Amino acid sequence: MHSRVIVIFAILFWVMGGASAEAASDLSGKLSLFVAGREQGIFEKAVVKFEKLNPRVRTQFAATEGAEPLAALADGSADIAVLGRTLKPEEKEWSGTVVGWEGIAVMVNASNRVTDVTTKQITDLFAGKARTWDELGGLESKISVIHREEGKGVRPYLEQQLNLVGKLVNGKGVVEPDKEAIRIVSGNLNAVSYVNLSTGLGNVNVGVPIRLLSINKVDPELSNVSSGAYPLRRPLVLVTKTPPPPVAKAFIDFMLDKEGQKTVLEEDFVPLLVTK
């Protein structure tokens, strides 16, 4: 009886595995992705996994220098464009699918007494309207804003979230990458900056003396980013023509599935569903 069960499972495994391989081998063609920004690492890893599952598909990355994502879709140089925002109402000719999120953390020194701020307080802080920490519940000392390089990292998304594009207060210097901002804030009691939330949490967990501020009494945690409770987040949106080409549709489905979501997490972004 035992050997019979093993044989049945072996047959089922062979049938299911064979069907899966056959389905994968049916998909063929080329796929061009337009990706610019810190999320490129996600899709560089993802296309390797996707091509392994679909060996008759060849993927390439479209040139991004001087190009616009939606223009690349329109002229056919890209099948999928990755945006860090949702589509606008006037962009209704395109289809957008959110496949993950990036949380943006406001980072202070671990000895700073401030632990929670409102969205308005953050806006005032980075706009230069709040100048001393006692205005936010901390000590009576001058706030030292450490900015990130213009147009890079999380800076443009922070500006968009707080409606501060072109309005950020002049800081005490501009630093890149995340690890340099973390180093400066960890050594300066009055410093404040902003960082990829997952990266910030990783540093907190290994004992780096920084704190990620709660916002509107919501903790900066991955589960709160995925649920939308934490306000500083931006989406990873895969945009295609309507309807998407078959290969593009298959790649989007892959990104929504287990392996695609795992890749999002591996690159310090937040999957669609995170539980505590």
Protein backbone atom coordinates (compact mmCIF):
# COMPACT_ATOMS: atom_id res chain seq x y z
CA MET A 1 0.00 0.00 0.00
CA HIS A 2 2.84 2.35 0.97
CA SER A 3 4.65 1.83 -2.34
CA ARG A 4 1.38 2.37 -4.22
CA VAL A 5 0.92 5.79 -2.54
CA ILE A 6 4.47 6.75 -3.50
CA VAL A 7 3.81 5.77 -7.11
CA ILE A 8 0.58 7.82 -7.19
CA PHE A 9 2.37 10.88 -5.80
CA ALA A 10 5.18 10.40 -8.29
CA ILE A 11 2.70 10.29 -11.17
CA LEU A 12 0.89 13.37 -9.90
CA PHE A 13 4.19 15.23 -9.49
CA TRP A 14 5.25 14.24 -13.01
CA VAL A 15 1.90 15.27 -14.52
CA MET A 16 1.78 18.60 -12.68
CA GLY A 17 5.43 19.33 -13.26
CA GLY A 18 5.13 18.39 -16.91
CA ALA A 19 2.06 20.56 -17.35
CA SER A 20 3.81 23.48 -15.68
CA ALA A 21 6.88 23.11 -17.86
CA GLU A 22 4.74 22.80 -20.96
CA ALA A 23 2.77 25.94 -20.04
CA ALA A 24 5.98 27.85 -19.42
CA SER A 25 7.50 26.69 -22.72
CA ASP A 26 4.43 27.93 -24.63
CA LEU A 27 5.25 31.53 -23.73
CA SER A 28 7.72 33.10 -26.12
CA GLY A 29 8.75 36.51 -27.36
CA LYS A 30 10.60 39.61 -26.22
CA LEU A 31 9.95 41.86 -23.27
CA SER A 32 11.36 45.34 -22.83
CA LEU A 33 11.23 47.09 -19.44
CA PHE A 34 11.72 50.79 -18.72
CA VAL A 35 13.07 51.10 -15.19
CA ALA A 36 14.86 54.12 -13.76
CA GLY A 37 15.66 54.57 -10.12
CA ARG A 38 16.43 52.62 -6.99
CA GLU A 39 13.91 49.88 -7.85
CA GLN A 40 15.96 48.68 -10.81
CA GLY A 41 17.55 45.99 -8.63
CA ILE A 42 14.15 44.38 -8.12
CA PHE A 43 13.56 43.92 -11.82
CA GLU A 44 17.11 42.87 -12.65
CA LYS A 45 16.61 39.95 -10.26
CA ALA A 46 13.03 39.33 -11.32
CA VAL A 47 13.75 38.98 -15.04
CA VAL A 48 16.37 36.31 -14.31
CA LYS A 49 13.78 34.28 -12.42
CA PHE A 50 11.10 34.98 -15.03
CA GLU A 51 13.31 33.83 -17.93
CA LYS A 52 14.22 30.67 -16.00
CA LEU A 53 10.52 29.83 -15.83
CA ASN A 54 9.99 30.92 -19.43
CA PRO A 55 13.14 29.99 -21.38
CA ARG A 56 11.70 31.15 -24.72
CA VAL A 57 11.30 34.73 -23.48
CA ARG A 58 14.11 37.25 -23.85
CA THR A 59 14.01 40.35 -21.67
CA GLN A 60 15.90 43.60 -22.09
CA PHE A 61 15.94 46.98 -20.38
CA ALA A 62 15.06 50.00 -22.48
CA ALA A 63 17.40 52.99 -22.54
CA THR A 64 16.26 55.53 -19.96
CA GLU A 65 18.70 58.39 -20.52
CA GLY A 66 16.68 61.42 -21.54
CA ALA A 67 13.55 59.31 -22.03
CA GLU A 68 10.16 59.40 -20.37
CA PRO A 69 8.50 56.15 -19.19
CA LEU A 70 5.12 56.66 -20.86
CA ALA A 71 6.72 58.00 -24.03
CA ALA A 72 8.73 54.77 -24.22
CA LEU A 73 5.47 52.81 -24.04
CA ALA A 74 3.88 54.99 -26.69
CA ASP A 75 6.72 54.59 -29.20
CA GLY A 76 7.07 50.85 -28.55
CA SER A 77 10.57 50.92 -27.11
CA ALA A 78 9.19 49.48 -23.85
CA ASP A 79 6.43 46.98 -23.11
CA ILE A 80 6.36 47.80 -19.40
CA ALA A 81 7.28 51.06 -17.71
CA VAL A 82 7.85 51.19 -13.96
CA LEU A 83 6.46 54.28 -12.25
CA GLY A 84 6.80 55.42 -8.64
CA ARG A 85 3.29 56.89 -8.68
CA THR A 86 -0.22 55.90 -9.65
CA LEU A 87 -1.57 56.89 -13.04
CA LYS A 88 -3.31 60.24 -13.37
CA PRO A 89 -6.94 60.43 -14.58
CA GLU A 90 -5.78 61.87 -17.93
CA GLU A 91 -3.49 58.85 -18.45
CA LYS A 92 -6.44 56.51 -18.90
CA GLU A 93 -5.05 54.96 -22.09
CA TRP A 94 -2.57 53.02 -19.93
CA SER A 95 -3.07 50.19 -17.45
CA GLY A 96 -1.24 50.28 -14.12
CA THR A 97 -0.68 47.46 -11.64
CA VAL A 98 0.82 48.05 -8.19
CA VAL A 99 3.31 45.28 -7.34
CA GLY A 100 4.87 46.71 -4.19
CA TRP A 101 5.65 49.76 -2.10
CA GLU A 102 8.56 51.76 -0.79
CA GLY A 103 8.24 53.19 2.68
CA ILE A 104 9.99 56.47 3.48
CA ALA A 105 11.18 56.89 7.06
CA VAL A 106 11.97 60.10 8.90
CA MET A 107 15.16 59.36 10.81
CA VAL A 108 16.58 61.03 13.93
CA ASN A 109 19.31 60.23 16.42
CA ALA A 110 18.33 57.54 18.92
CA SER A 111 18.85 59.99 21.80
CA ASN A 112 16.40 62.52 20.36
CA ARG A 113 13.34 62.77 22.63
CA VAL A 114 10.95 63.09 19.69
CA THR A 115 9.30 59.78 18.87
CA ASP A 116 6.08 60.68 17.06
CA VAL A 117 5.14 63.51 14.70
CA THR A 118 2.16 64.47 12.59
CA THR A 119 2.29 64.77 8.83
CA LYS A 120 1.98 68.55 9.23
CA GLN A 121 4.92 68.65 11.62
CA ILE A 122 7.08 66.73 9.15
CA THR A 123 6.05 69.11 6.39
CA ASP A 124 6.88 72.11 8.58
CA LEU A 125 10.21 70.55 9.53
CA PHE A 126 11.40 69.96 5.98
CA ALA A 127 9.95 73.27 4.77
CA GLY A 128 11.95 75.13 7.40
CA LYS A 129 8.93 76.35 9.36
CA ALA A 130 9.89 74.30 12.41
CA ARG A 131 13.39 75.34 13.46
CA THR A 132 13.93 73.86 16.92
CA TRP A 133 13.16 70.43 18.33
CA ASP A 134 11.07 71.78 21.23
CA GLU A 135 8.44 72.75 18.62
CA LEU A 136 8.01 68.99 18.06
CA GLY A 137 8.18 67.97 21.70
CA GLY A 138 11.94 67.62 22.03
CA LEU A 139 14.78 69.65 23.53
CA GLU A 140 15.29 73.33 22.85
CA SER A 141 17.96 72.83 20.21
CA LYS A 142 18.25 73.75 16.55
CA ILE A 143 17.06 71.22 13.98
CA SER A 144 19.81 70.14 11.59
CA VAL A 145 18.27 68.85 8.33
CA ILE A 146 20.46 66.46 6.35
CA HIS A 147 19.16 66.30 2.78
CA ARG A 148 19.65 63.72 0.07
CA GLU A 149 20.88 64.39 -3.45
CA GLU A 150 18.28 66.12 -5.60
CA GLY A 151 16.34 63.74 -7.83
CA LYS A 152 17.87 60.62 -6.25
CA GLY A 153 16.96 58.04 -3.64
CA VAL A 154 13.79 58.71 -1.71
CA ARG A 155 14.07 62.50 -1.92
CA PRO A 156 11.76 63.08 -4.94
CA TYR A 157 9.12 60.82 -3.41
CA LEU A 158 9.30 62.58 -0.04
CA GLU A 159 8.88 65.91 -1.84
CA GLN A 160 5.83 64.58 -3.68
CA GLN A 161 4.25 63.05 -0.57
CA LEU A 162 4.59 66.27 1.42
CA ASN A 163 3.81 68.58 -1.51
CA LEU A 164 7.23 70.17 -1.12
CA VAL A 165 8.66 69.83 -4.64
CA GLY A 166 11.19 72.64 -4.95
CA LYS A 167 10.34 73.89 -1.44
CA LEU A 168 12.67 71.96 0.86
CA VAL A 169 14.57 74.07 3.35
CA ASN A 170 18.33 74.33 2.79
CA GLY A 171 19.95 71.66 4.90
CA LYS A 172 23.35 71.10 6.49
CA GLY A 173 24.67 69.21 3.51
CA VAL A 174 23.59 66.73 0.89
CA VAL A 175 24.53 63.08 1.30
CA GLU A 176 24.18 59.84 -0.61
CA PRO A 177 23.68 56.92 -0.27
CA ASP A 178 21.42 55.81 2.59
CA LYS A 179 24.32 54.51 4.67
CA GLU A 180 26.00 57.93 4.68
CA ALA A 181 22.81 59.65 5.85
CA ILE A 182 22.47 57.00 8.57
CA ARG A 183 26.08 57.53 9.66
CA ILE A 184 25.64 61.30 10.02
CA VAL A 185 22.33 61.12 11.88
CA SER A 186 23.64 58.42 14.24
CA GLY A 187 26.43 60.80 15.30
CA ASN A 188 24.46 64.05 15.61
CA LEU A 189 21.82 64.53 18.32
CA ASN A 190 20.04 67.31 16.40
CA ALA A 191 20.14 65.79 12.90
CA VAL A 192 17.15 64.60 10.90
CA SER A 193 17.02 62.99 7.47
CA TYR A 194 14.95 60.53 5.47
CA VAL A 195 15.72 57.05 4.29
CA ASN A 196 14.24 53.93 2.72
CA LEU A 197 12.14 52.48 5.54
CA SER A 198 13.32 48.89 5.16
CA THR A 199 16.96 50.00 5.19
CA GLY A 200 16.33 52.13 8.27
CA LEU A 201 14.65 49.26 10.12
CA GLY A 202 17.55 46.96 9.28
CA ASN A 203 19.99 49.41 10.85
CA VAL A 204 17.83 49.90 13.95
CA ASN A 205 17.63 46.13 14.39
CA VAL A 206 21.42 45.75 14.45
CA GLY A 207 21.85 48.49 17.02
CA VAL A 208 22.75 51.56 14.98
CA PRO A 209 21.79 54.56 17.19
CA ILE A 210 19.00 56.00 15.06
CA ARG A 211 15.22 56.15 15.49
CA LEU A 212 12.54 56.07 12.82
CA LEU A 213 9.72 58.38 13.84
CA SER A 214 6.14 57.22 14.10
CA ILE A 215 3.80 59.38 12.01
CA ASN A 216 0.29 60.20 13.19
CA LYS A 217 0.88 57.56 15.89
CA VAL A 218 1.49 54.85 13.26
CA ASP A 219 4.73 52.92 13.65
CA PRO A 220 7.14 52.74 10.70
CA GLU A 221 6.68 49.00 10.06
CA LEU A 222 6.41 47.00 6.85
CA SER A 223 2.91 45.81 7.71
CA ASN A 224 1.74 49.41 8.13
CA VAL A 225 3.28 50.37 4.80
CA SER A 226 1.54 47.53 2.96
CA SER A 227 -1.80 48.26 4.64
CA GLY A 228 -1.62 51.98 3.91
CA ALA A 229 -1.80 52.99 7.58
CA TYR A 230 1.69 54.50 7.40
CA PRO A 231 1.41 57.66 5.26
CA LEU A 232 4.87 58.03 3.71
CA ARG A 233 4.93 55.41 0.99
CA ARG A 234 5.04 55.33 -2.77
CA PRO A 235 3.88 52.56 -5.10
CA LEU A 236 5.78 50.47 -7.61
CA VAL A 237 3.47 50.52 -10.62
CA LEU A 238 3.90 48.41 -13.76
CA VAL A 239 2.33 50.33 -16.63
CA THR A 240 1.41 48.83 -20.01
CA LYS A 241 -0.76 49.46 -23.00
CA THR A 242 -4.40 48.36 -22.70
CA PRO A 243 -4.63 45.41 -22.99
CA PRO A 244 -1.02 44.42 -22.18
CA PRO A 245 0.89 42.18 -24.61
CA PRO A 246 0.83 38.49 -23.51
CA VAL A 247 4.46 38.43 -22.36
CA ALA A 248 4.01 41.66 -20.40
CA LYS A 249 0.86 40.26 -18.78
CA ALA A 250 2.76 37.10 -17.82
CA PHE A 251 5.53 39.17 -16.21
CA ILE A 252 3.02 41.23 -14.23
CA ASP A 253 1.39 38.00 -13.01
CA PHE A 254 4.84 36.74 -11.99
CA MET A 255 5.52 39.92 -10.00
CA LEU A 256 2.20 39.49 -8.17
CA ASP A 257 2.96 35.86 -7.36
CA LYS A 258 5.14 34.42 -4.59
CA GLU A 259 8.56 34.68 -6.27
CA GLY A 260 7.96 38.18 -7.58
CA GLN A 261 6.83 39.42 -4.18
CA LYS A 262 9.82 37.73 -2.56
CA THR A 263 12.08 39.67 -4.92
CA VAL A 264 10.42 42.95 -3.90
CA LEU A 265 11.19 42.18 -0.26
CA GLU A 266 14.78 41.11 -0.98
CA GLU A 267 15.54 44.54 -2.44
CA ASP A 268 14.33 46.50 0.62
CA PHE A 269 10.91 47.31 -0.77
CA VAL A 270 7.58 46.26 0.70
CA PRO A 271 5.41 43.47 -0.77
CA LEU A 272 1.69 43.96 -1.24
CA LEU A 273 0.80 41.92 1.82
CA VAL A 274 2.88 41.93 5.00
CA THR A 275 1.60 40.58 8.29
CA LYS A 276 3.28 41.15 11.64
